[in-house]
Amino acid sequence: MAKVFTIPARPRLAERRKRERSSDPRYVDGQRLLIQAMRYLAVENRVSNRAAIELLSEHVRTRFRMSDSPLS
């Protein structure tokens, strides 16, 4: 049986370009809309809307985007 030798390649850090970060206005608007929905649900009936508030909170914490789709 033959032996396989691998030599790890070091990443070339100098060649990587740093990309400027900019906030997407759609993302910010989506987050704002989710927060407003959570506030509305909390004011209406905090106890019965708890599951919905937790679901929206999970999306906010995981950087959910309104334009995301599982089909794309």
PDB file of N, CA and C in Angstrom:
ATOM      1  N   MET A   1       0.845  -1.166   0.000  1.00  0.00           N
ATOM      2  CA  MET A   1       0.000   0.000   0.000  1.00  0.00           C
ATOM      3  C   MET A   1       0.895   1.236   0.000  1.00  0.00           C
ATOM      4  N   ALA A   2       0.572   2.200  -0.817  1.00  0.00           N
ATOM      5  CA  ALA A   2       1.376   3.416  -0.942  1.00  0.00           C
ATOM      6  C   ALA A   2       1.006   4.407   0.150  1.00  0.00           C
ATOM      7  N   LYS A   3       1.987   5.191   0.554  1.00  0.00           N
ATOM      8  CA  LYS A   3       1.758   6.224   1.546  1.00  0.00           C
ATOM      9  C   LYS A   3       1.545   7.555   0.830  1.00  0.00           C
ATOM     10  N   VAL A   4       0.651   8.342   1.379  1.00  0.00           N
ATOM     11  CA  VAL A   4       0.381   9.658   0.803  1.00  0.00           C
ATOM     12  C   VAL A   4       0.930  10.712   1.753  1.00  0.00           C
ATOM     13  N   PHE A   5       1.766  11.574   1.219  1.00  0.00           N
ATOM     14  CA  PHE A   5       2.330  12.661   2.011  1.00  0.00           C
ATOM     15  C   PHE A   5       1.673  13.967   1.603  1.00  0.00           C
ATOM     16  N   THR A   6       1.304  14.744   2.582  1.00  0.00           N
ATOM     17  CA  THR A   6       0.744  16.063   2.294  1.00  0.00           C
ATOM     18  C   THR A   6       1.616  17.118   2.941  1.00  0.00           C
ATOM     19  N   ILE A   7       1.816  18.180   2.220  1.00  0.00           N
ATOM     20  CA  ILE A   7       2.587  19.306   2.740  1.00  0.00           C
ATOM     21  C   ILE A   7       1.601  20.464   2.892  1.00  0.00           C
ATOM     22  N   PRO A   8       1.360  20.901   4.122  1.00  0.00           N
ATOM     23  CA  PRO A   8       0.389  21.984   4.312  1.00  0.00           C
ATOM     24  C   PRO A   8       0.894  23.291   3.708  1.00  0.00           C
ATOM     25  N   ALA A   9       0.015  23.991   3.060  1.00  0.00           N
ATOM     26  CA  ALA A   9       0.364  25.283   2.469  1.00  0.00           C
ATOM     27  C   ALA A   9      -0.035  26.388   3.437  1.00  0.00           C
ATOM     28  N   ARG A  10       0.839  27.335   3.635  1.00  0.00           N
ATOM     29  CA  ARG A  10       0.543  28.452   4.511  1.00  0.00           C
ATOM     30  C   ARG A  10      -0.300  29.472   3.755  1.00  0.00           C
ATOM     31  N   PRO A  11      -1.283  30.039   4.404  1.00  0.00           N
ATOM     32  CA  PRO A  11      -2.092  31.060   3.728  1.00  0.00           C
ATOM     33  C   PRO A  11      -1.281  32.317   3.458  1.00  0.00           C
ATOM     34  N   ARG A  12      -1.536  32.921   2.338  1.00  0.00           N
ATOM     35  CA  ARG A  12      -0.818  34.146   1.974  1.00  0.00           C
ATOM     36  C   ARG A  12      -1.615  35.338   2.484  1.00  0.00           C
ATOM     37  N   LEU A  13      -1.276  35.784   3.651  1.00  0.00           N
ATOM     38  CA  LEU A  13      -2.027  36.854   4.293  1.00  0.00           C
ATOM     39  C   LEU A  13      -1.786  38.210   3.627  1.00  0.00           C
ATOM     40  N   ALA A  14      -0.630  38.386   3.037  1.00  0.00           N
ATOM     41  CA  ALA A  14      -0.316  39.672   2.419  1.00  0.00           C
ATOM     42  C   ALA A  14      -1.141  39.905   1.157  1.00  0.00           C
ATOM     43  N   GLU A  15      -1.575  38.842   0.510  1.00  0.00           N
ATOM     44  CA  GLU A  15      -2.316  38.986  -0.735  1.00  0.00           C
ATOM     45  C   GLU A  15      -3.797  39.270  -0.533  1.00  0.00           C
ATOM     46  N   ARG A  16      -4.286  39.051   0.655  1.00  0.00           N
ATOM     47  CA  ARG A  16      -5.703  39.300   0.919  1.00  0.00           C
ATOM     48  C   ARG A  16      -5.973  40.795   0.942  1.00  0.00           C
ATOM     49  N   ARG A  17      -7.032  41.190   0.285  1.00  0.00           N
ATOM     50  CA  ARG A  17      -7.431  42.596   0.311  1.00  0.00           C
ATOM     51  C   ARG A  17      -8.493  42.786   1.377  1.00  0.00           C
ATOM     52  N   LYS A  18      -8.354  43.848   2.121  1.00  0.00           N
ATOM     53  CA  LYS A  18      -9.374  44.149   3.122  1.00  0.00           C
ATOM     54  C   LYS A  18     -10.492  44.913   2.457  1.00  0.00           C
ATOM     55  N   ARG A  19     -11.693  44.417   2.663  1.00  0.00           N
ATOM     56  CA  ARG A  19     -12.868  45.018   2.066  1.00  0.00           C
ATOM     57  C   ARG A  19     -13.501  45.957   3.078  1.00  0.00           C
ATOM     58  N   GLU A  20     -13.884  47.134   2.611  1.00  0.00           N
ATOM     59  CA  GLU A  20     -14.550  48.070   3.505  1.00  0.00           C
ATOM     60  C   GLU A  20     -15.931  47.562   3.856  1.00  0.00           C
ATOM     61  N   ARG A  21     -16.262  47.661   5.113  1.00  0.00           N
ATOM     62  CA  ARG A  21     -17.584  47.228   5.547  1.00  0.00           C
ATOM     63  C   ARG A  21     -18.551  48.399   5.453  1.00  0.00           C
ATOM     64  N   SER A  22     -19.701  48.105   4.946  1.00  0.00           N
ATOM     65  CA  SER A  22     -20.745  49.118   4.907  1.00  0.00           C
ATOM     66  C   SER A  22     -22.059  48.442   5.271  1.00  0.00           C
ATOM     67  N   SER A  23     -22.888  49.172   5.976  1.00  0.00           N
ATOM     68  CA  SER A  23     -24.155  48.578   6.391  1.00  0.00           C
ATOM     69  C   SER A  23     -25.156  48.641   5.245  1.00  0.00           C
ATOM     70  N   ASP A  24     -25.891  47.583   5.100  1.00  0.00           N
ATOM     71  CA  ASP A  24     -26.917  47.493   4.071  1.00  0.00           C
ATOM     72  C   ASP A  24     -28.182  48.138   4.627  1.00  0.00           C
ATOM     73  N   PRO A  25     -28.724  49.164   3.960  1.00  0.00           N
ATOM     74  CA  PRO A  25     -29.918  49.821   4.504  1.00  0.00           C
ATOM     75  C   PRO A  25     -31.110  48.871   4.640  1.00  0.00           C
ATOM     76  N   ARG A  26     -31.206  47.866   3.761  1.00  0.00           N
ATOM     77  CA  ARG A  26     -32.312  46.907   3.874  1.00  0.00           C
ATOM     78  C   ARG A  26     -32.181  46.095   5.151  1.00  0.00           C
ATOM     79  N   TYR A  27     -30.953  45.734   5.508  1.00  0.00           N
ATOM     80  CA  TYR A  27     -30.711  44.967   6.732  1.00  0.00           C
ATOM     81  C   TYR A  27     -31.092  45.792   7.960  1.00  0.00           C
ATOM     82  N   VAL A  28     -30.666  47.047   7.975  1.00  0.00           N
ATOM     83  CA  VAL A  28     -30.957  47.919   9.115  1.00  0.00           C
ATOM     84  C   VAL A  28     -32.464  48.137   9.237  1.00  0.00           C
ATOM     85  N   ASP A  29     -33.145  48.371   8.118  1.00  0.00           N
ATOM     86  CA  ASP A  29     -34.597  48.555   8.148  1.00  0.00           C
ATOM     87  C   ASP A  29     -35.309  47.283   8.608  1.00  0.00           C
ATOM     88  N   GLY A  30     -34.814  46.142   8.176  1.00  0.00           N
ATOM     89  CA  GLY A  30     -35.410  44.872   8.602  1.00  0.00           C
ATOM     90  C   GLY A  30     -35.266  44.652  10.089  1.00  0.00           C
ATOM     91  N   GLN A  31     -34.079  44.969  10.626  1.00  0.00           N
ATOM     92  CA  GLN A  31     -33.864  44.830  12.066  1.00  0.00           C
ATOM     93  C   GLN A  31     -34.774  45.781  12.837  1.00  0.00           C
ATOM     94  N   ARG A  32     -34.914  47.004  12.333  1.00  0.00           N
ATOM     95  CA  ARG A  32     -35.770  47.985  12.992  1.00  0.00           C
ATOM     96  C   ARG A  32     -37.225  47.507  13.005  1.00  0.00           C
ATOM     97  N   LEU A  33     -37.660  46.946  11.903  1.00  0.00           N
ATOM     98  CA  LEU A  33     -39.029  46.437  11.807  1.00  0.00           C
ATOM     99  C   LEU A  33     -39.263  45.286  12.786  1.00  0.00           C
ATOM    100  N   LEU A  34     -38.287  44.397  12.908  1.00  0.00           N
ATOM    101  CA  LEU A  34     -38.415  43.286  13.856  1.00  0.00           C
ATOM    102  C   LEU A  34     -38.500  43.787  15.297  1.00  0.00           C
ATOM    103  N   ILE A  35     -37.709  44.785  15.629  1.00  0.00           N
ATOM    104  CA  ILE A  35     -37.740  45.344  16.989  1.00  0.00           C
ATOM    105  C   ILE A  35     -39.088  45.994  17.266  1.00  0.00           C
ATOM    106  N   GLN A  36     -39.617  46.731  16.282  1.00  0.00           N
ATOM    107  CA  GLN A  36     -40.936  47.340  16.462  1.00  0.00           C
ATOM    108  C   GLN A  36     -42.018  46.283  16.655  1.00  0.00           C
ATOM    109  N   ALA A  37     -41.919  45.190  15.923  1.00  0.00           N
ATOM    110  CA  ALA A  37     -42.895  44.108  16.068  1.00  0.00           C
ATOM    111  C   ALA A  37     -42.797  43.482  17.456  1.00  0.00           C
ATOM    112  N   MET A  38     -41.580  43.300  17.953  1.00  0.00           N
ATOM    113  CA  MET A  38     -41.417  42.741  19.292  1.00  0.00           C
ATOM    114  C   MET A  38     -42.006  43.667  20.349  1.00  0.00           C
ATOM    115  N   ARG A  39     -41.785  44.970  20.199  1.00  0.00           N
ATOM    116  CA  ARG A  39     -42.358  45.934  21.158  1.00  0.00           C
ATOM    117  C   ARG A  39     -43.879  45.900  21.125  1.00  0.00           C
ATOM    118  N   TYR A  40     -44.450  45.843  19.932  1.00  0.00           N
ATOM    119  CA  TYR A  40     -45.906  45.807  19.793  1.00  0.00           C
ATOM    120  C   TYR A  40     -46.479  44.562  20.470  1.00  0.00           C
ATOM    121  N   LEU A  41     -45.852  43.416  20.224  1.00  0.00           N
ATOM    122  CA  LEU A  41     -46.332  42.171  20.824  1.00  0.00           C
ATOM    123  C   LEU A  41     -46.212  42.205  22.343  1.00  0.00           C
ATOM    124  N   ALA A  42     -45.139  42.823  22.850  1.00  0.00           N
ATOM    125  CA  ALA A  42     -44.948  42.898  24.298  1.00  0.00           C
ATOM    126  C   ALA A  42     -45.995  43.801  24.947  1.00  0.00           C
ATOM    127  N   VAL A  43     -46.387  44.869  24.262  1.00  0.00           N
ATOM    128  CA  VAL A  43     -47.388  45.775  24.819  1.00  0.00           C
ATOM    129  C   VAL A  43     -48.778  45.150  24.758  1.00  0.00           C
ATOM    130  N   GLU A  44     -49.090  44.465  23.665  1.00  0.00           N
ATOM    131  CA  GLU A  44     -50.410  43.856  23.495  1.00  0.00           C
ATOM    132  C   GLU A  44     -50.704  42.845  24.597  1.00  0.00           C
ATOM    133  N   ASN A  45     -49.914  41.776  24.622  1.00  0.00           N
ATOM    134  CA  ASN A  45     -50.100  40.747  25.640  1.00  0.00           C
ATOM    135  C   ASN A  45     -48.806  39.949  25.738  1.00  0.00           C
ATOM    136  N   ARG A  46     -48.018  40.318  26.700  1.00  0.00           N
ATOM    137  CA  ARG A  46     -46.678  39.755  26.832  1.00  0.00           C
ATOM    138  C   ARG A  46     -46.691  38.242  27.061  1.00  0.00           C
ATOM    139  N   VAL A  47     -47.633  37.763  27.833  1.00  0.00           N
ATOM    140  CA  VAL A  47     -47.663  36.345  28.200  1.00  0.00           C
ATOM    141  C   VAL A  47     -48.049  35.475  27.005  1.00  0.00           C
ATOM    142  N   SER A  48     -49.135  35.822  26.336  1.00  0.00           N
ATOM    143  CA  SER A  48     -49.590  34.975  25.228  1.00  0.00           C
ATOM    144  C   SER A  48     -48.727  35.129  23.968  1.00  0.00           C
ATOM    145  N   ASN A  49     -48.022  36.249  23.838  1.00  0.00           N
ATOM    146  CA  ASN A  49     -47.171  36.473  22.659  1.00  0.00           C
ATOM    147  C   ASN A  49     -45.713  36.112  22.905  1.00  0.00           C
ATOM    148  N   ARG A  50     -45.444  35.445  24.009  1.00  0.00           N
ATOM    149  CA  ARG A  50     -44.056  35.134  24.372  1.00  0.00           C
ATOM    150  C   ARG A  50     -43.339  34.311  23.301  1.00  0.00           C
ATOM    151  N   ALA A  51     -44.003  33.317  22.728  1.00  0.00           N
ATOM    152  CA  ALA A  51     -43.362  32.472  21.708  1.00  0.00           C
ATOM    153  C   ALA A  51     -43.011  33.290  20.465  1.00  0.00           C
ATOM    154  N   ALA A  52     -43.909  34.184  20.068  1.00  0.00           N
ATOM    155  CA  ALA A  52     -43.647  35.025  18.896  1.00  0.00           C
ATOM    156  C   ALA A  52     -42.498  35.988  19.171  1.00  0.00           C
ATOM    157  N   ILE A  53     -42.454  36.551  20.363  1.00  0.00           N
ATOM    158  CA  ILE A  53     -41.368  37.470  20.724  1.00  0.00           C
ATOM    159  C   ILE A  53     -40.036  36.730  20.725  1.00  0.00           C
ATOM    160  N   GLU A  54     -40.015  35.509  21.252  1.00  0.00           N
ATOM    161  CA  GLU A  54     -38.780  34.716  21.263  1.00  0.00           C
ATOM    162  C   GLU A  54     -38.323  34.389  19.845  1.00  0.00           C
ATOM    163  N   LEU A  55     -39.259  34.081  18.959  1.00  0.00           N
ATOM    164  CA  LEU A  55     -38.915  33.790  17.571  1.00  0.00           C
ATOM    165  C   LEU A  55     -38.295  35.013  16.891  1.00  0.00           C
ATOM    166  N   LEU A  56     -38.914  36.168  17.064  1.00  0.00           N
ATOM    167  CA  LEU A  56     -38.366  37.395  16.474  1.00  0.00           C
ATOM    168  C   LEU A  56     -37.012  37.737  17.085  1.00  0.00           C
ATOM    169  N   SER A  57     -36.880  37.526  18.375  1.00  0.00           N
ATOM    170  CA  SER A  57     -35.615  37.802  19.051  1.00  0.00           C
ATOM    171  C   SER A  57     -34.502  36.913  18.503  1.00  0.00           C
ATOM    172  N   GLU A  58     -34.824  35.660  18.233  1.00  0.00           N
ATOM    173  CA  GLU A  58     -33.836  34.735  17.658  1.00  0.00           C
ATOM    174  C   GLU A  58     -33.360  35.228  16.300  1.00  0.00           C
ATOM    175  N   HIS A  59     -34.285  35.738  15.490  1.00  0.00           N
ATOM    176  CA  HIS A  59     -33.900  36.256  14.176  1.00  0.00           C
ATOM    177  C   HIS A  59     -33.016  37.489  14.302  1.00  0.00           C
ATOM    178  N   VAL A  60     -33.325  38.358  15.260  1.00  0.00           N
ATOM    179  CA  VAL A  60     -32.513  39.562  15.450  1.00  0.00           C
ATOM    180  C   VAL A  60     -31.110  39.171  15.895  1.00  0.00           C
ATOM    181  N   ARG A  61     -31.007  38.222  16.794  1.00  0.00           N
ATOM    182  CA  ARG A  61     -29.695  37.829  17.317  1.00  0.00           C
ATOM    183  C   ARG A  61     -28.852  37.087  16.298  1.00  0.00           C
ATOM    184  N   THR A  62     -29.470  36.437  15.333  1.00  0.00           N
ATOM    185  CA  THR A  62     -28.702  35.686  14.336  1.00  0.00           C
ATOM    186  C   THR A  62     -28.514  36.482  13.048  1.00  0.00           C
ATOM    187  N   ARG A  63     -28.725  37.786  13.107  1.00  0.00           N
ATOM    188  CA  ARG A  63     -28.516  38.683  11.964  1.00  0.00           C
ATOM    189  C   ARG A  63     -29.358  38.278  10.763  1.00  0.00           C
ATOM    190  N   PHE A  64     -30.585  37.953  11.042  1.00  0.00           N
ATOM    191  CA  PHE A  64     -31.535  37.580  10.000  1.00  0.00           C
ATOM    192  C   PHE A  64     -31.764  38.752   9.059  1.00  0.00           C
ATOM    193  N   ARG A  65     -31.800  38.481   7.766  1.00  0.00           N
ATOM    194  CA  ARG A  65     -32.074  39.512   6.772  1.00  0.00           C
ATOM    195  C   ARG A  65     -33.447  39.256   6.163  1.00  0.00           C
ATOM    196  N   MET A  66     -34.181  40.315   5.964  1.00  0.00           N
ATOM    197  CA  MET A  66     -35.530  40.182   5.414  1.00  0.00           C
ATOM    198  C   MET A  66     -35.508  39.609   4.012  1.00  0.00           C
ATOM    199  N   SER A  67     -34.416  39.791   3.269  1.00  0.00           N
ATOM    200  CA  SER A  67     -34.359  39.323   1.886  1.00  0.00           C
ATOM    201  C   SER A  67     -33.877  37.872   1.775  1.00  0.00           C
ATOM    202  N   ASP A  68     -33.497  37.265   2.908  1.00  0.00           N
ATOM    203  CA  ASP A  68     -33.025  35.879   2.866  1.00  0.00           C
ATOM    204  C   ASP A  68     -34.173  34.930   2.523  1.00  0.00           C
ATOM    205  N   SER A  69     -33.847  33.909   1.761  1.00  0.00           N
ATOM    206  CA  SER A  69     -34.843  32.905   1.404  1.00  0.00           C
ATOM    207  C   SER A  69     -34.152  31.551   1.349  1.00  0.00           C
ATOM    208  N   PRO A  70     -34.760  30.505   1.856  1.00  0.00           N
ATOM    209  CA  PRO A  70     -34.123  29.194   1.783  1.00  0.00           C
ATOM    210  C   PRO A  70     -34.065  28.658   0.349  1.00  0.00           C
ATOM    211  N   LEU A  71     -34.829  29.269  -0.558  1.00  0.00           N
ATOM    212  CA  LEU A  71     -34.864  28.795  -1.944  1.00  0.00           C
ATOM    213  C   LEU A  71     -33.819  29.453  -2.821  1.00  0.00           C
ATOM    214  N   SER A  72     -33.174  30.531  -2.346  1.00  0.00           N
ATOM    215  CA  SER A  72     -32.197  31.214  -3.206  1.00  0.00           C
ATOM    216  C   SER A  72     -30.793  30.727  -2.977  1.00  0.00           C
TER     217      SER A  72
END
